[in-house]
Protein backbone atom coordinates (compact mmCIF):
# COMPACT_ATOMS: atom_id res chain seq x y z
CA MET A 1 40.28 307.07 101.08
CA SER A 2 38.32 304.65 98.79
CA HIS A 3 40.88 303.96 96.29
CA GLY A 4 42.81 301.04 97.82
CA PHE A 5 46.08 302.36 97.86
CA LEU A 6 46.74 302.23 101.87
CA HIS A 7 45.36 298.44 101.31
CA HIS A 8 47.47 297.12 98.82
CA ILE A 9 50.38 298.83 100.75
CA ARG A 10 49.47 296.76 104.15
CA ARG A 11 48.81 293.71 101.63
CA ASN A 12 52.78 294.09 100.12
CA GLN A 13 53.82 294.33 104.13
CA ILE A 14 52.32 291.49 105.51
CA ALA A 15 53.27 289.02 102.25
CA ARG A 16 57.06 290.62 102.90
CA ASP A 17 56.44 289.46 106.72
CA ASP A 18 55.15 286.55 106.00
CA TYR A 19 57.90 285.41 103.45
CA ASP A 20 60.67 286.52 106.38
CA LYS A 21 59.35 284.35 108.54
CA GLN A 22 59.49 281.55 106.72
CA VAL A 23 62.81 281.98 105.31
CA LYS A 24 63.90 282.52 109.25
CA GLN A 25 62.13 278.60 110.03
CA ALA A 26 63.84 277.26 107.04
CA ASN A 27 67.27 278.86 108.02
CA GLU A 28 66.35 277.41 111.85
CA HIS A 29 65.25 273.61 109.92
CA GLN A 30 68.73 273.41 108.62
CA ARG A 31 71.19 271.14 109.93
CA PRO A 32 74.56 272.23 111.41
CA ARG A 33 77.41 271.49 108.28
CA HIS A 34 79.40 268.83 110.06
CA THR A 35 83.35 270.38 108.48
CA THR A 36 86.34 267.88 108.47
CA THR A 37 88.07 271.39 107.83
CA SER A 38 88.87 274.03 110.25
CA ARG A 39 87.78 277.22 109.99
CA LEU A 40 91.48 278.57 110.71
CA PRO A 41 93.62 279.58 108.00
CA ARG A 42 95.13 277.06 106.20
CA ARG A 43 99.52 276.33 106.49
CA PRO A 44 100.96 276.67 103.85
CA ASP A 45 102.90 273.28 102.23
CA ILE A 46 106.06 272.22 103.26
CA GLN A 47 108.74 273.93 101.07
CA VAL A 48 111.27 270.61 99.93
CA TYR A 49 114.55 271.73 98.50
CA HIS A 50 115.69 270.60 95.22
CA PRO A 51 119.84 270.53 94.64
CA ARG A 52 120.36 271.88 91.20
CA ARG A 53 123.53 269.63 89.56
CA GLY A 54 127.36 270.55 89.38
CA ASN A 55 127.45 271.62 85.61
CA GLY A 56 124.39 273.57 84.82
CA SER A 57 122.38 271.02 82.85
CA GLN A 58 118.57 270.11 83.67
CA PRO A 59 118.82 265.79 84.60
CA GLY A 60 116.22 263.80 82.58
CA VAL A 61 118.27 263.36 79.16
CA GLY A 62 119.71 259.51 78.27
CA ALA A 63 122.52 258.26 79.99
CA GLU A 64 122.48 261.13 82.25
CA THR A 65 119.57 260.23 84.36
CA GLU A 66 121.06 256.94 84.93
CA GLU A 67 124.76 259.11 85.90
CA TRP A 68 121.84 260.94 88.36
CA ASN A 69 120.36 257.85 89.81
CA GLU A 70 123.92 256.11 90.48
CA SER A 71 125.53 259.38 92.06
CA GLY A 72 122.89 259.53 94.95
CA SER A 73 121.80 262.93 94.30
CA SER A 74 118.30 262.19 93.28
CA THR A 75 115.74 262.76 95.77
CA GLU A 76 114.56 259.65 95.39
CA PRO A 77 117.61 256.96 95.35
CA GLU A 78 117.46 253.79 93.88
CA THR A 79 118.23 250.74 96.51
CA HIS A 80 117.70 247.19 96.03
CA GLY A 81 119.22 246.45 99.15
CA THR A 82 119.91 247.02 102.99
CA GLU A 83 121.36 250.59 103.37
CA LEU A 84 124.90 250.20 105.90
CA PHE A 85 125.34 254.34 104.61
CA TRP A 86 125.84 257.05 103.05
CA LEU A 87 129.22 258.05 101.77
CA ASP A 88 129.73 261.41 101.37
CA TYR A 89 132.97 262.60 99.10
CA GLN A 90 134.43 265.92 99.54
CA ALA A 91 137.00 266.53 96.08
CA ASP A 92 140.45 269.33 96.56
CA SER A 93 137.23 271.29 94.58
CA GLY A 94 135.46 270.91 97.17
CA HIS A 95 133.06 269.27 94.81
CA VAL A 96 130.55 267.09 97.57
CA THR A 97 129.07 263.61 95.83
CA SER A 98 126.88 261.34 97.55
CA TYR A 99 126.90 257.73 97.67
CA ILE A 100 124.85 255.00 99.15
CA VAL A 101 126.16 252.05 99.81
CA LEU A 102 124.27 249.11 100.54
CA LYS A 103 125.17 246.01 102.30
CA GLU A 104 125.91 243.74 99.27
CA ASP A 105 128.40 246.22 97.57
CA LYS A 106 132.05 245.26 97.71
CA PRO A 107 134.67 248.20 98.35
CA GLU A 108 136.41 248.61 94.99
CA ARG A 109 132.77 248.98 93.62
CA VAL A 110 132.31 251.70 95.46
CA VAL A 111 135.52 252.92 94.99
CA GLU A 112 134.85 252.72 91.12
CA ARG A 113 131.92 254.39 91.54
CA VAL A 114 133.84 257.84 93.14
CA ALA A 115 136.11 257.20 90.97
CA GLU A 116 133.93 257.69 88.06
CA GLU A 117 132.85 261.62 88.87
CA ASN A 118 136.97 262.75 90.98
CA VAL A 119 140.05 262.07 89.90
CA LEU A 120 141.10 259.60 92.47
CA ASP A 121 145.28 258.32 92.06
CA SER A 122 146.42 254.46 93.22
CA THR A 123 146.85 255.83 96.38
CA MET A 124 143.93 257.51 97.46
CA ARG A 125 142.32 254.70 96.08
CA MET A 126 143.93 252.51 98.25
CA ALA A 127 142.94 254.39 101.42
CA LEU A 128 139.46 255.24 100.28
CA GLN A 129 139.15 251.13 99.41
CA ALA A 130 140.45 250.39 103.28
CA ARG A 131 138.49 252.74 104.93
CA LEU A 132 135.44 251.50 103.59
CA ARG A 133 136.21 247.71 104.12
CA LYS A 134 137.13 248.99 107.74
CA GLU A 135 133.49 250.91 107.68
CA MET A 136 131.56 248.56 105.86
CA ASP A 137 132.87 245.65 108.05
CA LYS A 138 131.71 247.61 111.28
CA ARG A 139 128.26 248.57 110.14
CA ARG A 140 127.58 244.87 108.83
CA ASN A 141 128.90 242.95 112.69
CA LYS A 142 125.59 246.15 113.88
CA ARG A 143 122.86 244.39 111.51
């Protein structure tokens, strides 16, 4: 076989072996990456509950937004003072409204805020005001 066919096959095999050696050496010389993330599967993000408004409308339009923030129903209530406690008022219908009572608040103003969203007669207002005054005094003395 003088035509050199086997010579070409051997030359290709030697070239392939040399190439494989070079690739293997290059892979050995690479530094292993130090990744900050673990190889374990990532846990899903924490799900957060976003309550809906009672009347079914979405918040975010004009004066409704201000009422939403005032009622304490938003996920990020705006507080400008020292928070004493949360007031949850449940009406006879079962509707619960929540308010943040601040150290600087007056019981009369808190009762007005509750009465804006709930029907309260004068005796209920006076009883709520007396209870608020008692609770606020108790918590102010602790702080």
